[in-house]
Protein backbone atom coordinates (compact mmCIF):
# COMPACT_ATOMS: atom_id res chain seq x y z
CA UNK A 1 8.25 -18.68 -12.51
CA UNK A 2 6.36 -15.36 -13.64
CA UNK A 3 3.11 -17.53 -14.00
CA UNK A 4 3.58 -18.95 -10.09
CA UNK A 5 4.01 -15.33 -8.83
CA UNK A 6 0.93 -13.91 -10.95
CA UNK A 7 -1.45 -16.70 -9.34
CA UNK A 8 0.08 -15.13 -5.53
CA UNK A 9 -1.29 -11.56 -7.01
CA UNK A 10 -4.47 -13.46 -8.54
CA UNK A 11 -4.96 -13.49 -4.38
CA UNK A 12 -3.64 -10.25 -3.66
CA UNK A 13 -6.00 -8.59 -6.22
CA UNK A 14 -8.55 -10.58 -4.47
CA UNK A 15 -8.23 -9.52 -0.94
CA UNK A 16 -7.74 -5.50 -2.33
CA UNK A 17 -11.01 -5.87 -4.49
CA UNK A 18 -13.52 -8.05 -3.05
CA UNK A 19 -13.89 -5.96 0.29
CA UNK A 20 -14.65 -2.57 -1.43
CA UNK A 21 -17.91 -3.31 -2.47
CA UNK A 22 -19.41 -4.92 0.75
CA UNK A 23 -17.61 -2.32 3.39
CA UNK A 24 -21.19 -0.61 4.05
CA UNK A 25 -22.43 -4.32 4.46
CA UNK A 26 -19.71 -5.04 7.17
CA UNK A 27 -20.38 -2.05 9.14
CA UNK A 28 -24.41 -3.14 8.81
CA UNK A 29 -23.73 -6.36 10.06
CA UNK A 30 -21.14 -5.48 12.85
CA UNK A 31 -23.38 -2.26 13.87
CA UNK A 32 -20.55 0.25 13.63
CA UNK A 33 -20.65 3.55 12.19
CA UNK A 34 -19.07 4.36 8.32
CA UNK A 35 -16.25 6.53 9.72
CA UNK A 36 -15.22 3.91 12.04
CA UNK A 37 -14.47 1.09 8.94
CA UNK A 38 -11.37 3.70 8.29
CA UNK A 39 -9.88 1.96 11.49
CA UNK A 40 -9.76 -1.59 9.67
CA UNK A 41 -7.69 0.12 7.10
CA UNK A 42 -5.74 1.97 9.21
CA UNK A 43 -4.66 -0.74 11.35
CA UNK A 44 -3.66 -3.35 8.76
CA UNK A 45 -1.68 -0.49 6.58
CA UNK A 46 0.20 0.34 9.89
CA UNK A 47 0.72 -3.41 10.48
CA UNK A 48 1.75 -3.91 7.11
CA UNK A 49 4.74 -1.09 7.36
CA UNK A 50 5.90 -2.91 10.67
CA UNK A 51 6.17 -6.28 9.07
CA UNK A 52 7.25 -5.69 5.35
CA UNK A 53 10.66 -4.58 5.79
CA UNK A 54 11.67 -7.63 8.34
CA UNK A 55 10.09 -9.77 5.76
CA UNK A 56 12.02 -8.32 3.16
CA UNK A 57 15.14 -8.75 4.71
CA UNK A 58 14.87 -11.82 5.78
CA UNK A 59 14.10 -12.65 2.32
CA UNK A 60 17.45 -11.45 1.36
CA UNK A 61 19.19 -14.13 4.25
CA UNK A 62 17.09 -17.28 4.20
CA UNK A 63 15.40 -17.15 0.60
CA UNK A 64 12.52 -15.18 -0.91
CA UNK A 65 10.73 -18.77 -1.36
CA UNK A 66 10.62 -19.31 2.59
CA UNK A 67 9.55 -16.25 3.59
CA UNK A 68 6.39 -15.98 0.66
CA UNK A 69 5.36 -19.59 2.31
CA UNK A 70 5.20 -17.80 5.34
CA UNK A 71 3.48 -14.49 4.82
CA UNK A 72 0.97 -16.09 2.75
CA UNK A 73 0.01 -19.07 5.82
CA UNK A 74 -0.35 -15.71 7.95
CA UNK A 75 -2.60 -14.04 5.34
CA UNK A 76 -5.01 -17.07 4.99
CA UNK A 77 -5.45 -17.95 8.81
CA UNK A 78 -6.37 -13.89 8.82
CA UNK A 79 -8.75 -14.22 6.04
CA UNK A 80 -10.36 -16.59 7.67
CA UNK A 81 -10.23 -14.91 11.02
CA UNK A 82 -12.30 -12.15 9.16
CA UNK A 83 -14.99 -14.35 7.92
CA UNK A 84 -15.91 -15.72 11.20
CA UNK A 85 -15.53 -12.91 13.54
CA UNK A 86 -18.05 -12.69 15.55
CA UNK A 87 -17.40 -8.53 16.72
CA UNK A 88 -15.94 -5.71 15.39
CA UNK A 89 -12.56 -5.54 17.80
CA UNK A 90 -11.83 -9.51 16.39
CA UNK A 91 -12.50 -8.19 13.20
CA UNK A 92 -9.61 -5.42 13.86
CA UNK A 93 -7.21 -8.27 15.03
CA UNK A 94 -7.91 -10.35 11.85
CA UNK A 95 -8.19 -7.58 9.23
CA UNK A 96 -4.86 -6.02 10.83
CA UNK A 97 -2.91 -9.60 10.47
CA UNK A 98 -4.08 -9.96 6.47
CA UNK A 99 -1.54 -6.87 6.10
CA UNK A 100 0.89 -9.27 5.86
CA UNK A 101 0.14 -9.95 1.87
CA UNK A 102 1.52 -6.53 1.37
CA UNK A 103 4.98 -8.20 1.28
CA UNK A 104 3.95 -10.43 -1.98
CA UNK A 105 4.99 -8.10 -4.36
CA UNK A 106 7.66 -6.66 -3.23
CA UNK A 107 9.88 -9.45 -3.10
CA UNK A 108 8.66 -11.01 -6.09
CA UNK A 109 10.15 -8.00 -7.46
CA UNK A 110 12.88 -8.86 -5.86
CA UNK A 111 12.99 -12.63 -7.07
CA UNK A 112 12.87 -11.43 -10.82
CA UNK A 113 15.25 -8.78 -9.79
CA UNK A 114 17.85 -11.38 -8.87
CA UNK A 115 16.90 -13.73 -11.37
CA UNK A 116 17.92 -11.61 -13.84
CA UNK A 117 21.13 -10.39 -12.45
CA UNK A 118 23.87 -10.07 -15.24
CA UNK A 119 21.80 -9.36 -18.05
CA UNK A 120 22.19 -6.01 -20.06
CA UNK A 121 18.55 -5.39 -20.24
CA UNK A 122 17.80 -6.35 -16.27
CA UNK A 123 15.97 -3.25 -15.77
CA UNK A 124 13.84 -3.10 -18.52
CA UNK A 125 12.44 -6.71 -17.67
CA UNK A 126 12.34 -5.69 -14.40
CA UNK A 127 10.06 -3.52 -15.02
CA UNK A 128 7.94 -5.54 -17.79
CA UNK A 129 7.48 -8.31 -15.53
CA UNK A 130 6.76 -5.76 -12.33
CA UNK A 131 3.99 -4.31 -14.91
CA UNK A 132 2.65 -7.64 -15.53
CA UNK A 133 2.39 -8.50 -12.62
CA UNK A 134 0.69 -5.36 -11.28
CA UNK A 135 -1.77 -6.03 -14.37
CA UNK A 136 -3.08 -9.21 -13.35
CA UNK A 137 -3.16 -7.83 -9.74
CA UNK A 138 -5.30 -5.26 -11.18
CA UNK A 139 -7.06 -7.49 -12.99
CA UNK A 140 -8.04 -9.73 -10.12
CA UNK A 141 -9.69 -6.58 -8.43
CA UNK A 142 -12.17 -5.99 -10.97
CA UNK A 143 -12.81 -9.88 -11.32
CA UNK A 144 -13.38 -9.30 -7.16
CA UNK A 145 -15.08 -6.32 -6.85
CA UNK A 146 -17.96 -7.34 -9.24
CA UNK A 147 -18.27 -10.74 -7.85
CA UNK A 148 -18.47 -8.79 -4.46
CA UNK A 149 -20.97 -6.56 -6.00
CA UNK A 150 -23.57 -9.33 -7.68
CA UNK A 151 -23.14 -11.96 -3.97
CA UNK A 152 -24.14 -8.99 -1.53
CA UNK A 153 -27.83 -9.14 -1.89
CA UNK A 154 -27.44 -13.08 -2.68
CA UNK A 155 -26.04 -14.46 0.37
CA UNK A 156 -25.16 -13.65 4.04
CA UNK A 157 -22.07 -11.67 5.04
CA UNK A 158 -20.02 -14.45 6.58
CA UNK A 159 -20.43 -16.57 3.40
CA UNK A 160 -19.27 -13.73 1.18
CA UNK A 161 -16.38 -13.47 3.20
CA UNK A 162 -15.08 -17.15 2.99
CA UNK A 163 -14.33 -16.60 -0.55
CA UNK A 164 -11.03 -14.29 -0.21
CA UNK A 165 -9.96 -17.04 2.77
CA UNK A 166 -10.48 -19.94 0.11
CA UNK A 167 -8.78 -18.04 -2.71
CA UNK A 168 -5.63 -17.18 -0.46
CA UNK A 169 -4.93 -20.84 1.14
CA UNK A 170 -5.35 -22.07 -3.00
CA UNK A 171 -1.81 -19.99 -2.88
CA UNK A 172 0.19 -22.02 -0.39
CA UNK A 173 1.14 -25.45 -2.71
CA UNK A 174 1.15 -23.28 -5.59
CA UNK A 175 4.04 -21.70 -3.78
CA UNK A 176 5.16 -25.40 -3.79
CA UNK A 177 6.21 -25.24 -7.14
CA UNK A 178 8.16 -21.96 -7.03
CA UNK A 179 12.07 -22.34 -7.45
CA UNK A 180 13.91 -20.71 -4.47
CA UNK A 181 16.18 -17.76 -4.67
CA UNK A 182 18.91 -18.56 -2.23
CA UNK A 183 19.69 -15.83 0.15
CA UNK A 184 23.03 -13.89 0.97
CA UNK A 185 25.43 -15.77 3.31
CA UNK A 186 26.90 -14.10 5.89
CA UNK A 187 24.29 -11.63 6.62
CA UNK A 188 21.98 -11.55 10.04
CA UNK A 189 18.85 -9.92 11.33
CA UNK A 190 19.33 -6.69 13.09
CA UNK A 191 16.80 -6.78 16.15
CA UNK A 192 17.53 -3.33 17.70
CA UNK A 193 16.22 -1.51 14.58
CA UNK A 194 13.16 -3.18 14.03
CA UNK A 195 12.21 -2.63 17.74
CA UNK A 196 13.18 1.22 17.50
CA UNK A 197 11.53 1.49 14.31
CA UNK A 198 8.31 -0.21 15.38
CA UNK A 199 8.37 2.03 18.97
CA UNK A 200 8.68 5.45 16.56
CA UNK A 201 5.77 3.98 14.05
CA UNK A 202 3.02 2.75 17.00
CA UNK A 203 4.14 6.28 19.00
CA UNK A 204 2.95 8.55 15.88
CA UNK A 205 0.11 5.96 15.44
CA UNK A 206 -1.23 6.00 18.83
CA UNK A 207 -1.38 9.69 18.87
CA UNK A 208 -3.53 9.83 15.78
CA UNK A 209 -5.72 7.13 17.44
CA UNK A 210 -6.55 9.37 20.74
CA UNK A 211 -6.81 12.77 18.64
CA UNK A 212 -9.57 10.33 16.61
CA UNK A 213 -10.98 10.14 19.98
CA UNK A 214 -10.45 12.95 22.65
CA UNK A 215 -10.03 15.85 19.42
CA UNK A 216 -7.38 17.59 17.96
CA UNK A 217 -6.73 19.58 21.16
CA UNK A 218 -5.61 16.50 23.11
CA UNK A 219 -1.86 17.28 24.58
CA UNK A 220 -1.62 13.86 25.44
CA UNK A 221 -1.97 12.76 21.78
CA UNK A 222 0.54 15.33 20.27
CA UNK A 223 3.10 14.18 22.47
CA UNK A 224 3.07 10.65 21.09
CA UNK A 225 3.39 11.54 17.92
CA UNK A 226 6.45 14.12 18.70
CA UNK A 227 7.65 11.20 20.50
CA UNK A 228 7.39 8.70 17.63
CA UNK A 229 9.11 11.48 15.50
CA UNK A 230 11.70 12.08 18.27
CA UNK A 231 12.31 8.00 18.20
CA UNK A 232 13.65 8.58 14.48
CA UNK A 233 16.76 10.02 15.42
CA UNK A 234 18.26 7.29 17.40
CA UNK A 235 16.84 4.79 14.89
CA UNK A 236 19.01 6.24 12.33
CA UNK A 237 22.28 6.34 14.75
CA UNK A 238 21.64 2.93 14.91
CA UNK A 239 21.59 1.60 11.89
CA UNK A 240 24.36 3.70 11.09
CA UNK A 241 26.35 2.07 12.89
CA UNK A 242 24.88 -1.54 12.51
CA UNK A 243 27.00 -3.72 10.48
CA UNK A 244 24.18 -5.23 9.12
CA UNK A 245 21.20 -2.46 9.34
CA UNK A 246 17.27 -3.71 8.81
CA UNK A 247 17.61 -0.28 6.53
CA UNK A 248 20.50 0.61 5.19
CA UNK A 249 20.01 4.39 5.95
CA UNK A 250 23.54 4.99 4.47
CA UNK A 251 21.74 3.82 0.98
CA UNK A 252 18.75 5.07 1.58
CA UNK A 253 20.50 8.92 2.26
CA UNK A 254 21.43 8.59 -1.31
CA UNK A 255 18.76 10.37 -4.10
CA UNK A 256 18.39 7.68 -6.31
CA UNK A 257 16.77 5.42 -2.96
CA UNK A 258 15.24 8.40 -0.96
CA UNK A 259 13.73 10.04 -3.31
CA UNK A 260 11.71 6.56 -4.87
CA UNK A 261 10.94 5.81 -1.06
CA UNK A 262 9.71 9.23 -0.77
CA UNK A 263 7.40 8.97 -3.51
CA UNK A 264 6.14 5.39 -2.21
CA UNK A 265 5.13 7.15 0.97
CA UNK A 266 3.47 10.34 -1.02
CA UNK A 267 1.25 8.14 -3.31
CA UNK A 268 0.43 5.36 -0.89
CA UNK A 269 -1.42 8.14 1.13
CA UNK A 270 -3.82 8.64 -1.83
CA UNK A 271 -3.44 5.10 -2.95
CA UNK A 272 -4.27 2.79 0.33
CA UNK A 273 -5.81 5.86 2.75
CA UNK A 274 -8.53 7.40 0.45
CA UNK A 275 -10.36 4.00 -0.09
CA UNK A 276 -12.74 3.76 2.85
CA UNK A 277 -13.53 7.50 2.14
CA UNK A 278 -14.13 6.83 -1.53
CA UNK A 279 -16.31 4.05 -1.14
CA UNK A 280 -18.23 5.13 1.57
CA UNK A 281 -19.06 8.60 -0.30
CA UNK A 282 -20.12 6.71 -3.57
CA UNK A 283 -22.55 4.62 -1.59
CA UNK A 284 -23.97 7.72 0.92
CA UNK A 285 -27.37 8.41 0.30
CA UNK A 286 -27.55 11.70 -0.95
CA UNK A 287 -31.08 12.45 0.21
CA UNK A 288 -29.69 11.51 3.77
CA UNK A 289 -26.43 13.01 3.92
CA UNK A 290 -26.48 16.17 1.33
CA UNK A 291 -24.34 14.21 -1.04
CA UNK A 292 -22.94 11.10 -2.14
CA UNK A 293 -24.44 9.29 -4.74
CA UNK A 294 -26.67 6.38 -3.20
CA UNK A 295 -25.21 3.42 -5.07
CA UNK A 296 -26.02 0.06 -3.98
CA UNK A 297 -23.00 -2.99 -3.73
CA UNK A 298 -23.09 -3.69 -7.07
CA UNK A 299 -23.12 -0.34 -8.75
CA UNK A 300 -20.09 0.13 -6.09
CA UNK A 301 -18.62 -2.61 -7.71
CA UNK A 302 -18.68 -1.38 -11.22
CA UNK A 303 -17.14 1.90 -9.62
CA UNK A 304 -14.54 0.13 -8.44
CA UNK A 305 -14.00 -2.09 -11.75
CA UNK A 306 -13.65 0.90 -13.66
CA UNK A 307 -10.78 2.70 -11.42
CA UNK A 308 -8.89 -0.71 -10.99
CA UNK A 309 -9.16 -1.21 -15.17
CA UNK A 310 -7.62 1.98 -15.56
CA UNK A 311 -4.76 0.94 -12.61
CA UNK A 312 -4.34 -2.04 -14.95
CA UNK A 313 -4.08 -0.24 -18.19
CA UNK A 314 -1.56 2.52 -16.44
CA UNK A 315 0.68 -0.48 -15.41
CA UNK A 316 1.10 -1.71 -18.89
CA UNK A 317 1.53 1.83 -19.94
CA UNK A 318 4.88 1.82 -17.47
CA UNK A 319 7.38 0.34 -20.54
CA UNK A 320 5.92 1.76 -23.15
CA UNK A 321 5.71 5.40 -21.34
CA UNK A 322 9.18 4.95 -19.67
CA UNK A 323 11.04 4.24 -22.95
CA UNK A 324 9.95 7.54 -23.88
CA UNK A 325 10.35 9.37 -21.41
CA UNK A 326 12.84 7.74 -19.24
CA UNK A 327 11.91 5.90 -15.95
CA UNK A 328 11.93 8.79 -13.87
CA UNK A 329 10.16 11.38 -15.67
CA UNK A 330 7.31 8.63 -16.48
CA UNK A 331 7.14 8.39 -12.59
CA UNK A 332 6.70 12.41 -12.50
CA UNK A 333 4.02 12.48 -15.04
CA UNK A 334 1.97 9.33 -13.33
CA UNK A 335 2.06 11.56 -10.03
CA UNK A 336 0.69 14.66 -11.69
CA UNK A 337 -1.99 12.77 -13.25
CA UNK A 338 -3.19 11.39 -10.32
CA UNK A 339 -3.04 15.05 -8.46
CA UNK A 340 -5.07 16.61 -11.14
CA UNK A 341 -7.60 13.23 -10.78
CA UNK A 342 -8.28 14.57 -7.10
CA UNK A 343 -8.25 17.83 -7.40
CA UNK A 344 -10.89 17.52 -9.94
CA UNK A 345 -13.38 16.04 -7.07
CA UNK A 346 -13.38 19.47 -5.84
CA UNK A 347 -15.49 21.11 -8.61
CA UNK A 348 -16.93 17.94 -9.63
CA UNK A 349 -18.22 15.93 -6.93
CA UNK A 350 -22.12 16.36 -7.11
CA UNK A 351 -22.00 15.10 -10.62
CA UNK A 352 -22.24 11.35 -11.70
CA UNK A 353 -21.01 11.05 -14.91
CA UNK A 354 -18.01 13.55 -13.96
CA UNK A 355 -17.03 10.96 -11.26
CA UNK A 356 -16.61 8.24 -13.31
CA UNK A 357 -14.17 10.28 -15.22
CA UNK A 358 -12.29 11.65 -12.84
CA UNK A 359 -11.96 8.12 -11.34
CA UNK A 360 -10.43 6.69 -14.39
CA UNK A 361 -7.73 9.49 -14.58
CA UNK A 362 -6.61 8.80 -10.91
CA UNK A 363 -6.33 5.29 -11.92
CA UNK A 364 -4.25 5.73 -15.67
CA UNK A 365 -1.98 7.92 -12.79
CA UNK A 366 -1.81 5.90 -10.04
CA UNK A 367 -1.49 2.51 -12.57
CA UNK A 368 2.23 3.02 -13.53
CA UNK A 369 3.28 4.05 -10.35
CA UNK A 370 2.35 0.76 -8.13
CA UNK A 371 4.85 -0.90 -10.89
CA UNK A 372 7.51 1.51 -11.34
CA UNK A 373 8.61 2.24 -7.96
CA UNK A 374 9.39 -1.22 -6.46
CA UNK A 375 11.70 -1.48 -9.83
CA UNK A 376 13.06 1.88 -9.28
CA UNK A 377 13.95 0.97 -5.94
CA UNK A 378 15.36 -2.62 -7.07
CA UNK A 379 17.40 -0.93 -9.88
CA UNK A 380 19.14 1.57 -7.19
CA UNK A 381 19.78 -1.02 -4.77
CA UNK A 382 23.20 -3.37 -4.69
CA UNK A 383 22.26 -7.11 -5.34
CA UNK A 384 22.44 -7.93 -1.52
CA UNK A 385 19.53 -5.20 -0.22
CA UNK A 386 17.11 -5.74 -3.67
CA UNK A 387 14.57 -7.30 -1.16
CA UNK A 388 15.13 -4.61 1.50
CA UNK A 389 15.02 -1.81 -0.86
CA UNK A 390 11.68 -3.22 -2.71
CA UNK A 391 9.83 -4.10 0.75
CA UNK A 392 10.54 -0.88 2.17
CA UNK A 393 8.74 0.88 -0.65
CA UNK A 394 5.73 -0.73 0.22
CA UNK A 395 6.67 0.12 4.35
CA UNK A 396 6.80 3.58 3.05
CA UNK A 397 3.71 3.36 0.72
CA UNK A 398 1.83 1.64 3.84
CA UNK A 399 3.17 4.05 6.40
CA UNK A 400 1.94 6.62 4.35
CA UNK A 401 -1.80 4.98 3.95
CA UNK A 402 -1.86 4.32 7.20
CA UNK A 403 -1.19 7.99 8.40
CA UNK A 404 -3.63 9.04 5.66
CA UNK A 405 -6.24 6.84 6.84
CA UNK A 406 -6.04 7.67 10.23
CA UNK A 407 -6.47 11.67 9.31
CA UNK A 408 -9.19 10.44 7.12
CA UNK A 409 -10.91 9.30 10.20
CA UNK A 410 -10.71 12.24 12.11
CA UNK A 411 -11.62 14.67 9.26
CA UNK A 412 -14.55 12.58 8.56
CA UNK A 413 -15.68 11.45 12.09
CA UNK A 414 -15.01 15.33 13.43
CA UNK A 415 -13.35 15.85 16.22
CA UNK A 416 -13.42 14.13 19.62
CA UNK A 417 -16.95 12.49 18.13
CA UNK A 418 -18.11 9.15 17.68
CA UNK A 419 -21.37 10.23 16.65
CA UNK A 420 -20.76 10.55 12.78
CA UNK A 421 -21.93 8.00 10.18
CA UNK A 422 -21.25 8.98 6.98
CA UNK A 423 -18.88 11.91 7.58
CA UNK A 424 -19.30 15.70 6.38
CA UNK A 425 -18.54 17.15 2.67
CA UNK A 426 -16.47 18.97 4.17
CA UNK A 427 -14.60 16.00 5.70
CA UNK A 428 -14.30 14.74 2.14
CA UNK A 429 -13.05 17.81 1.02
CA UNK A 430 -10.06 17.68 2.92
CA UNK A 431 -9.42 13.98 1.66
CA UNK A 432 -9.62 15.02 -1.99
CA UNK A 433 -7.15 18.26 -1.25
CA UNK A 434 -4.65 16.01 0.73
CA UNK A 435 -4.79 13.29 -2.17
CA UNK A 436 -4.10 16.17 -5.30
CA UNK A 437 -1.29 17.92 -2.60
CA UNK A 438 0.87 14.53 -1.85
CA UNK A 439 0.42 13.80 -5.75
CA UNK A 440 2.31 17.24 -6.37
CA UNK A 441 4.76 17.30 -3.89
CA UNK A 442 5.58 13.72 -5.09
CA UNK A 443 6.16 15.02 -8.80
CA UNK A 444 8.32 17.55 -7.11
CA UNK A 445 10.57 14.98 -5.59
CA UNK A 446 10.85 13.22 -8.55
CA UNK A 447 11.68 16.49 -10.52
CA UNK A 448 14.24 17.43 -8.27
CA UNK A 449 16.46 14.33 -8.13
CA UNK A 450 15.91 13.30 -12.01
CA UNK A 451 19.59 13.32 -12.14
CA UNK A 452 20.43 10.60 -9.45
CA UNK A 453 22.22 8.04 -10.84
CA UNK A 454 21.22 4.70 -9.33
CA UNK A 455 23.20 2.64 -7.23
CA UNK A 456 24.26 -0.67 -9.21
CA UNK A 457 27.88 -2.02 -7.00
CA UNK A 458 27.34 -3.57 -3.54
CA UNK A 459 27.42 -1.23 -1.37
CA UNK A 460 30.55 -2.53 1.34
CA UNK A 461 29.50 -4.09 4.81
CA UNK A 462 30.62 -2.22 7.92
CA UNK A 463 30.07 1.52 9.82
CA UNK A 464 32.28 3.23 7.27
CA UNK A 465 31.09 1.63 4.02
CA UNK A 466 29.83 4.23 1.37
CA UNK A 467 26.13 4.51 0.25
CA UNK A 468 27.11 4.59 -3.78
CA UNK A 469 30.45 3.70 -5.89
């Protein structure tokens, strides 16, 4: 089972690593500005944030393999759409739908956690397998990034974009060999909760889009953001009354669970939101923009390879570090390390040699968190909510990344203008500072909730259930 799940993570690695080195080439092919590339990432992340909770809950209800097959089929179709999109709007649509792949890892962790139920070492085994899956993912990212860099100057952009579509499509017959983990009987899907959550998230992101177009002084934009925040109140109340909520907010209110979800949100701001700014900064020509290193696609892929290799090392070190410090303290250390890495960009951004070291530090700190966060959420959830809890970590991570990506687009493009290509150095300062602060906040959240006890028993159904027994 681990081998089959790892094969799916190979496809995930291709999706996450292949496009980075050629983002500038995609921009040239579609005749769009660098700053506008952030909206590809922002749209995909927000779609992922919306689709992961319902798919993860469906995994708990109808079986995880079925959801993996459906999610893989949608991802494959979208990846083919990216390859042959004739315009930026169609590319944006396909890129958005491709975000369905984000549900893969949390469902895989839920599968392993469910399969090891009753074992005294369930938590340790889940963390170990999660680390293996993440390491497989990161090694695949490296291979994909290097391959993309080598192909960039040899074939057309369309030909290059066909390769990820082929890899994802191959996963469909692979999943036929995966043993099904039965769903929980008696549950029902919460459409009302999904609708309210969707409206809240779309309102917030719609406001950020208006800020990007009209500037930070846009009153309608800020009203939309406030409306989205206000919609969370009725959503929360609805979920507390629902007998089988999409997001069990009573469970989420427990410190062992909300601290993990908050960490996922904050880590997602840098892990997912900063990838396009980093790619454009490394490839920006200093003679033209006054900053950057002017890397080619192949050189940019080498940068990604180093960063992701450090992510893999960080993921594989999760087990030993957790045994030494404990799971929560290990996560806290990871947050501090990547925060220090991003902070180091501020004084060291002009040095190519120092930039490689900074990316290594960021990768080492973040790698263990990618594996630790879903495992920690699974450990703090009752058996019938494992898929929902692990899926919610990816939703929180992608919401954080989507919001950050939108904010970064505003920082790099300036307020109320669409005429900036690479962004300003002040905008990159803002990006690195936000990423550093997010890491320190995540470390603070984990440190303050270090004594929280995990939820290890089933939460009884009904509006009067307790979040923890």
